[in-house]
N, C-alpha and C. Protein backbone atom coordinates (compact mmCIF):
# COMPACT_ATOMS: atom_id res chain seq x y z
N MET A 1 98.60 119.58 185.79
CA MET A 1 99.58 119.08 184.85
C MET A 1 98.98 117.93 184.05
N LEU A 2 99.14 117.96 182.74
CA LEU A 2 98.59 116.91 181.88
C LEU A 2 99.48 115.68 181.92
N LYS A 3 98.84 114.54 181.94
CA LYS A 3 99.57 113.28 181.88
C LYS A 3 100.05 113.06 180.45
N PRO A 4 101.17 112.32 180.26
CA PRO A 4 101.73 112.12 178.91
C PRO A 4 100.73 111.57 177.90
N LEU A 5 99.90 110.62 178.29
CA LEU A 5 98.92 110.05 177.35
C LEU A 5 97.92 111.10 176.91
N LYS A 6 97.46 111.93 177.85
CA LYS A 6 96.51 112.98 177.49
C LYS A 6 97.14 113.98 176.53
N VAL A 7 98.41 114.29 176.74
CA VAL A 7 99.11 115.22 175.85
C VAL A 7 99.19 114.63 174.45
N ILE A 8 99.52 113.34 174.35
CA ILE A 8 99.61 112.68 173.05
C ILE A 8 98.26 112.68 172.36
N LEU A 9 97.19 112.33 173.08
CA LEU A 9 95.85 112.32 172.48
C LEU A 9 95.44 113.72 172.05
N LEU A 10 95.75 114.71 172.86
CA LEU A 10 95.42 116.09 172.52
C LEU A 10 96.15 116.51 171.25
N LEU A 11 97.45 116.18 171.15
CA LEU A 11 98.22 116.51 169.96
C LEU A 11 97.69 115.79 168.72
N LEU A 12 97.32 114.52 168.88
CA LEU A 12 96.75 113.77 167.75
C LEU A 12 95.43 114.38 167.29
N SER A 13 94.60 114.79 168.24
CA SER A 13 93.31 115.36 167.87
C SER A 13 93.51 116.66 167.09
N PHE A 14 94.50 117.47 167.47
CA PHE A 14 94.79 118.69 166.72
C PHE A 14 95.38 118.37 165.36
N SER A 15 96.24 117.35 165.30
CA SER A 15 96.89 116.97 164.05
C SER A 15 95.88 116.51 163.01
N PHE A 16 94.88 115.78 163.44
CA PHE A 16 93.88 115.24 162.52
C PHE A 16 92.60 116.06 162.48
N GLY A 17 92.57 117.17 163.20
CA GLY A 17 91.39 118.02 163.21
C GLY A 17 90.20 117.42 163.93
N ILE A 18 90.43 116.48 164.82
CA ILE A 18 89.35 115.81 165.54
C ILE A 18 89.17 116.48 166.89
N THR A 19 87.99 117.00 167.12
CA THR A 19 87.69 117.54 168.44
C THR A 19 86.40 116.89 168.92
N GLN A 20 86.46 116.37 170.12
CA GLN A 20 85.29 115.72 170.71
C GLN A 20 84.95 116.42 172.01
N GLU A 21 83.66 116.44 172.29
CA GLU A 21 83.18 117.07 173.51
C GLU A 21 82.13 116.16 174.15
N VAL A 22 82.28 115.91 175.45
CA VAL A 22 81.25 115.17 176.17
C VAL A 22 80.16 116.16 176.50
N VAL A 23 78.96 115.95 175.93
CA VAL A 23 77.88 116.91 176.15
C VAL A 23 76.91 116.46 177.24
N TYR A 24 76.80 115.17 177.47
CA TYR A 24 75.97 114.63 178.54
C TYR A 24 76.66 113.38 179.07
N LYS A 25 76.41 113.07 180.35
CA LYS A 25 76.87 111.80 180.91
C LYS A 25 76.03 111.48 182.13
N GLY A 26 76.00 110.20 182.47
CA GLY A 26 75.20 109.81 183.62
C GLY A 26 75.31 108.33 183.92
N GLU A 27 74.44 107.91 184.83
CA GLU A 27 74.33 106.52 185.25
C GLU A 27 72.92 106.06 184.91
N TRP A 28 72.79 104.80 184.55
CA TRP A 28 71.47 104.24 184.23
C TRP A 28 70.68 104.00 185.51
N ASP A 29 69.39 104.32 185.46
CA ASP A 29 68.45 103.97 186.52
C ASP A 29 67.72 102.71 186.06
N ASN A 30 67.75 101.69 186.89
CA ASN A 30 67.07 100.43 186.59
C ASN A 30 65.58 100.63 186.85
N TYR A 31 64.75 100.45 185.84
CA TYR A 31 63.32 100.69 186.00
C TYR A 31 62.63 99.59 186.80
N SER A 32 63.04 98.36 186.61
CA SER A 32 62.36 97.22 187.22
C SER A 32 63.29 96.43 188.12
N ARG A 33 62.80 96.00 189.24
CA ARG A 33 63.62 95.16 190.11
C ARG A 33 63.80 93.77 189.53
N TRP A 34 63.08 93.44 188.48
CA TRP A 34 63.16 92.11 187.86
C TRP A 34 64.22 92.05 186.76
N THR A 35 64.79 93.17 186.41
CA THR A 35 65.81 93.18 185.35
C THR A 35 67.11 93.77 185.88
N THR A 36 68.18 93.46 185.21
CA THR A 36 69.47 94.09 185.49
C THR A 36 69.68 95.16 184.44
N PHE A 37 69.97 96.36 184.88
CA PHE A 37 70.25 97.45 183.95
C PHE A 37 71.03 98.51 184.71
N GLU A 38 72.35 98.53 184.50
CA GLU A 38 73.19 99.43 185.29
C GLU A 38 74.45 99.80 184.53
N GLY A 39 75.10 100.84 185.02
CA GLY A 39 76.35 101.28 184.42
C GLY A 39 76.30 102.74 184.03
N SER A 40 77.35 103.18 183.39
CA SER A 40 77.47 104.58 183.00
C SER A 40 77.31 104.73 181.49
N TRP A 41 77.11 105.96 181.07
CA TRP A 41 77.00 106.30 179.66
C TRP A 41 77.45 107.74 179.47
N GLN A 42 77.75 108.09 178.24
CA GLN A 42 78.04 109.49 177.90
C GLN A 42 77.70 109.73 176.44
N ILE A 43 77.39 110.97 176.13
CA ILE A 43 77.17 111.37 174.75
C ILE A 43 78.32 112.27 174.35
N VAL A 44 78.98 111.89 173.27
CA VAL A 44 80.15 112.60 172.77
C VAL A 44 79.79 113.19 171.41
N LYS A 45 80.14 114.44 171.23
CA LYS A 45 79.84 115.13 169.99
C LYS A 45 81.14 115.60 169.35
N SER A 46 81.28 115.38 168.05
CA SER A 46 82.42 115.89 167.29
C SER A 46 81.85 116.67 166.11
N GLU A 47 82.73 117.19 165.30
CA GLU A 47 82.28 117.93 164.11
C GLU A 47 81.53 117.03 163.15
N GLU A 48 81.88 115.75 163.14
CA GLU A 48 81.33 114.82 162.16
C GLU A 48 80.10 114.06 162.63
N LYS A 49 80.04 113.77 163.95
CA LYS A 49 78.94 112.93 164.43
C LYS A 49 78.75 113.08 165.92
N GLN A 50 77.67 112.49 166.40
CA GLN A 50 77.41 112.40 167.83
C GLN A 50 77.13 110.94 168.16
N GLU A 51 77.64 110.51 169.31
CA GLU A 51 77.53 109.11 169.70
C GLU A 51 77.13 109.00 171.16
N ILE A 52 76.41 107.92 171.46
CA ILE A 52 76.17 107.57 172.86
C ILE A 52 77.06 106.36 173.14
N ILE A 53 77.83 106.48 174.21
CA ILE A 53 78.80 105.44 174.56
C ILE A 53 78.43 104.85 175.90
N PHE A 54 78.16 103.55 175.92
CA PHE A 54 77.89 102.84 177.16
C PHE A 54 79.24 102.47 177.77
N GLY A 55 79.39 102.65 179.08
CA GLY A 55 80.66 102.44 179.75
C GLY A 55 81.04 100.97 179.90
N ASP A 56 82.29 100.76 180.28
CA ASP A 56 82.80 99.40 180.55
C ASP A 56 81.99 98.70 181.62
N ASP A 57 81.37 99.48 182.51
CA ASP A 57 80.60 98.94 183.63
C ASP A 57 79.14 98.62 183.29
N PHE A 58 78.77 98.82 182.01
CA PHE A 58 77.38 98.58 181.61
C PHE A 58 77.03 97.10 181.67
N GLU A 59 75.81 96.81 182.17
CA GLU A 59 75.29 95.44 182.18
C GLU A 59 73.78 95.48 182.14
N ALA A 60 73.19 94.65 181.27
CA ALA A 60 71.74 94.58 181.14
C ALA A 60 71.31 93.13 180.99
N LYS A 61 70.16 92.82 181.55
CA LYS A 61 69.56 91.51 181.33
C LYS A 61 69.13 91.43 179.87
N LYS A 62 69.37 90.29 179.25
CA LYS A 62 69.04 90.13 177.83
C LYS A 62 67.54 90.17 177.61
N ALA A 63 67.19 90.71 176.46
CA ALA A 63 65.80 90.77 176.01
C ALA A 63 65.82 90.74 174.48
N PRO A 64 64.74 90.33 173.85
CA PRO A 64 64.77 90.14 172.40
C PRO A 64 64.78 91.42 171.57
N ASP A 65 64.39 92.55 172.14
CA ASP A 65 64.17 93.73 171.29
C ASP A 65 64.48 95.03 172.04
N LEU A 66 65.66 95.11 172.64
CA LEU A 66 66.01 96.33 173.38
C LEU A 66 66.48 97.41 172.42
N LYS A 67 65.91 98.60 172.58
CA LYS A 67 66.24 99.73 171.71
C LYS A 67 66.46 100.98 172.56
N ILE A 68 67.31 101.85 172.04
CA ILE A 68 67.64 103.11 172.70
C ILE A 68 66.78 104.20 172.07
N PHE A 69 66.18 105.04 172.94
CA PHE A 69 65.36 106.16 172.50
C PHE A 69 65.72 107.40 173.29
N PHE A 70 65.48 108.57 172.71
CA PHE A 70 65.49 109.83 173.45
C PHE A 70 64.04 110.24 173.61
N SER A 71 63.72 110.86 174.74
CA SER A 71 62.35 111.30 175.01
C SER A 71 62.36 112.72 175.55
N LYS A 72 61.31 113.46 175.24
CA LYS A 72 61.14 114.81 175.77
C LYS A 72 60.50 114.79 177.15
N ALA A 73 60.04 113.62 177.58
CA ALA A 73 59.45 113.47 178.92
C ALA A 73 60.55 113.23 179.94
N SER A 74 60.28 113.60 181.18
CA SER A 74 61.25 113.31 182.24
C SER A 74 61.16 111.83 182.59
N LEU A 75 62.22 111.29 183.16
CA LEU A 75 62.27 109.86 183.48
C LEU A 75 61.15 109.47 184.44
N ASP A 76 60.80 110.35 185.37
CA ASP A 76 59.73 110.06 186.33
C ASP A 76 58.36 109.88 185.66
N ASP A 77 58.19 110.45 184.48
CA ASP A 77 56.91 110.39 183.78
C ASP A 77 56.83 109.23 182.77
N ILE A 78 57.90 108.47 182.63
CA ILE A 78 57.94 107.38 181.64
C ILE A 78 57.74 106.04 182.34
N THR A 79 56.84 105.23 181.78
CA THR A 79 56.58 103.88 182.28
C THR A 79 56.67 102.90 181.11
N SER A 80 56.58 101.62 181.41
CA SER A 80 56.56 100.61 180.34
C SER A 80 55.40 100.85 179.38
N LYS A 81 54.26 101.24 179.93
CA LYS A 81 53.06 101.40 179.10
C LYS A 81 53.12 102.62 178.19
N ASN A 82 53.80 103.69 178.62
CA ASN A 82 53.78 104.90 177.80
C ASN A 82 55.13 105.27 177.20
N ALA A 83 56.13 104.41 177.35
CA ALA A 83 57.50 104.74 176.93
C ALA A 83 57.60 105.17 175.47
N LEU A 84 56.80 104.58 174.62
CA LEU A 84 56.87 104.91 173.19
C LEU A 84 55.82 105.92 172.77
N LYS A 85 55.19 106.57 173.76
CA LYS A 85 54.20 107.60 173.48
C LYS A 85 54.53 108.90 174.18
N ALA A 86 54.91 108.83 175.45
CA ALA A 86 55.18 110.03 176.24
C ALA A 86 56.44 110.73 175.73
N GLY A 87 56.35 112.02 175.59
CA GLY A 87 57.52 112.81 175.26
C GLY A 87 58.06 112.66 173.85
N GLU A 88 57.22 112.26 172.91
CA GLU A 88 57.62 112.14 171.51
C GLU A 88 58.97 111.43 171.35
N PRO A 89 59.07 110.17 171.77
CA PRO A 89 60.35 109.47 171.71
C PRO A 89 60.86 109.31 170.28
N VAL A 90 62.17 109.31 170.16
CA VAL A 90 62.80 109.14 168.86
C VAL A 90 63.81 107.99 168.98
N PHE A 91 63.76 107.10 167.99
CA PHE A 91 64.63 105.92 167.97
C PHE A 91 66.07 106.33 167.67
N VAL A 92 67.00 105.77 168.45
CA VAL A 92 68.42 106.04 168.25
C VAL A 92 69.11 104.82 167.63
N ALA A 93 68.99 103.67 168.30
CA ALA A 93 69.68 102.47 167.81
C ALA A 93 69.16 101.24 168.54
N LYS A 94 69.38 100.09 167.95
CA LYS A 94 69.08 98.82 168.61
C LYS A 94 70.28 98.45 169.48
N LEU A 95 70.01 98.00 170.70
CA LEU A 95 71.09 97.62 171.62
C LEU A 95 71.82 96.42 171.03
N ALA A 96 73.14 96.54 170.90
CA ALA A 96 73.94 95.49 170.28
C ALA A 96 74.69 94.65 171.29
N SER A 97 74.85 95.16 172.51
CA SER A 97 75.64 94.46 173.51
C SER A 97 74.97 94.60 174.87
N TYR A 98 75.00 93.52 175.64
CA TYR A 98 74.37 93.52 176.97
C TYR A 98 75.37 93.72 178.09
N LYS A 99 76.65 93.83 177.73
CA LYS A 99 77.66 93.98 178.77
C LYS A 99 78.88 94.70 178.20
N GLY A 100 79.39 95.65 178.96
CA GLY A 100 80.62 96.33 178.59
C GLY A 100 80.41 97.50 177.65
N LYS A 101 81.51 98.06 177.24
CA LYS A 101 81.52 99.27 176.43
C LYS A 101 80.93 99.01 175.04
N ALA A 102 80.11 99.94 174.59
CA ALA A 102 79.53 99.89 173.25
C ALA A 102 79.26 101.31 172.80
N THR A 103 79.42 101.56 171.52
CA THR A 103 79.23 102.90 170.96
C THR A 103 78.14 102.84 169.91
N TYR A 104 77.21 103.79 169.98
CA TYR A 104 76.09 103.86 169.04
C TYR A 104 76.07 105.26 168.42
N THR A 105 76.04 105.33 167.11
CA THR A 105 75.96 106.62 166.43
C THR A 105 74.52 107.14 166.51
N ILE A 106 74.39 108.38 166.92
CA ILE A 106 73.09 109.03 167.00
C ILE A 106 72.80 109.62 165.62
N PRO A 107 71.63 109.32 165.04
CA PRO A 107 71.33 109.87 163.71
C PRO A 107 71.48 111.40 163.70
N SER A 108 72.03 111.92 162.62
CA SER A 108 72.29 113.35 162.52
C SER A 108 71.00 114.17 162.52
N SER A 109 69.88 113.55 162.24
CA SER A 109 68.59 114.25 162.23
C SER A 109 68.08 114.56 163.64
N ILE A 110 68.71 113.97 164.67
CA ILE A 110 68.26 114.15 166.05
C ILE A 110 69.02 115.31 166.70
N ASP A 111 68.27 116.30 167.16
CA ASP A 111 68.84 117.41 167.93
C ASP A 111 68.70 117.04 169.40
N ILE A 112 69.78 116.53 170.00
CA ILE A 112 69.69 116.01 171.37
C ILE A 112 69.36 117.08 172.39
N THR A 113 69.54 118.34 172.06
CA THR A 113 69.23 119.42 173.01
C THR A 113 67.73 119.55 173.25
N LYS A 114 66.91 118.93 172.41
CA LYS A 114 65.45 119.00 172.55
C LYS A 114 64.88 117.89 173.42
N TYR A 115 65.74 117.00 173.94
CA TYR A 115 65.28 115.85 174.71
C TYR A 115 65.75 115.92 176.15
N LYS A 116 64.98 115.29 177.04
CA LYS A 116 65.27 115.31 178.47
C LYS A 116 65.83 113.99 178.99
N THR A 117 65.56 112.90 178.27
CA THR A 117 65.82 111.57 178.80
C THR A 117 66.31 110.62 177.72
N VAL A 118 67.19 109.70 178.11
CA VAL A 118 67.57 108.59 177.25
C VAL A 118 67.01 107.34 177.93
N ILE A 119 66.34 106.48 177.16
CA ILE A 119 65.76 105.26 177.73
C ILE A 119 66.16 104.05 176.88
N VAL A 120 66.07 102.88 177.50
CA VAL A 120 66.21 101.62 176.78
C VAL A 120 64.92 100.84 177.06
N HIS A 121 64.27 100.42 175.99
CA HIS A 121 62.94 99.84 176.07
C HIS A 121 62.89 98.57 175.24
N CYS A 122 62.24 97.53 175.76
CA CYS A 122 62.00 96.30 175.01
C CYS A 122 60.69 96.50 174.26
N GLU A 123 60.81 96.82 172.99
CA GLU A 123 59.63 97.15 172.21
C GLU A 123 58.71 95.94 172.02
N GLU A 124 59.27 94.76 171.83
CA GLU A 124 58.46 93.56 171.60
C GLU A 124 57.50 93.27 172.75
N TYR A 125 57.97 93.46 174.00
CA TYR A 125 57.15 93.16 175.16
C TYR A 125 56.68 94.42 175.92
N SER A 126 56.91 95.57 175.35
CA SER A 126 56.51 96.85 175.96
C SER A 126 57.00 96.97 177.40
N LYS A 127 58.29 96.75 177.60
CA LYS A 127 58.88 96.84 178.94
C LYS A 127 60.04 97.84 178.93
N LEU A 128 59.96 98.77 179.84
CA LEU A 128 61.04 99.74 180.02
C LEU A 128 62.14 99.09 180.84
N TRP A 129 63.35 99.06 180.31
CA TRP A 129 64.48 98.46 181.01
C TRP A 129 65.12 99.48 181.95
N GLY A 130 65.25 100.70 181.47
CA GLY A 130 65.86 101.73 182.29
C GLY A 130 66.05 103.01 181.50
N GLY A 131 66.58 103.99 182.20
CA GLY A 131 66.81 105.27 181.55
C GLY A 131 67.66 106.17 182.42
N SER A 132 67.84 107.39 181.92
CA SER A 132 68.63 108.38 182.63
C SER A 132 68.31 109.75 182.09
N PRO A 133 68.29 110.76 182.97
CA PRO A 133 68.11 112.11 182.48
C PRO A 133 69.33 112.55 181.66
N LEU A 134 69.09 113.37 180.66
CA LEU A 134 70.19 113.95 179.88
C LEU A 134 70.66 115.18 180.64
N LYS A 135 71.83 115.07 181.23
CA LYS A 135 72.40 116.21 181.96
C LYS A 135 73.89 116.16 181.92
């Protein structure tokens, strides 16, 4: 049985022609014991755009140049030294928030089905903060 709020949201989405689908979701794996990087994420796709949404439980240690990338390499094969080389990484967005929910639009030129992993990397200091398999 659908809850009243879900019914209202479902009706609104039909009324405005908005349909969204969660295509991937997961939990962040902290790459280094020296940094904080945890929480959930999901990728939502609609007719108009695709977004990666960091959950309310997201928390990361601050760094000057954290960026989100997709990679064709598996998470086990990515290190700080090769994060921007292994698996033909593609830039998604600069991290705007270190805590709580945040939404980032994925460029329309990126076909997320071709990638295995989402990572967050400090480009200035070549340090991998964390990542997660796309599943």
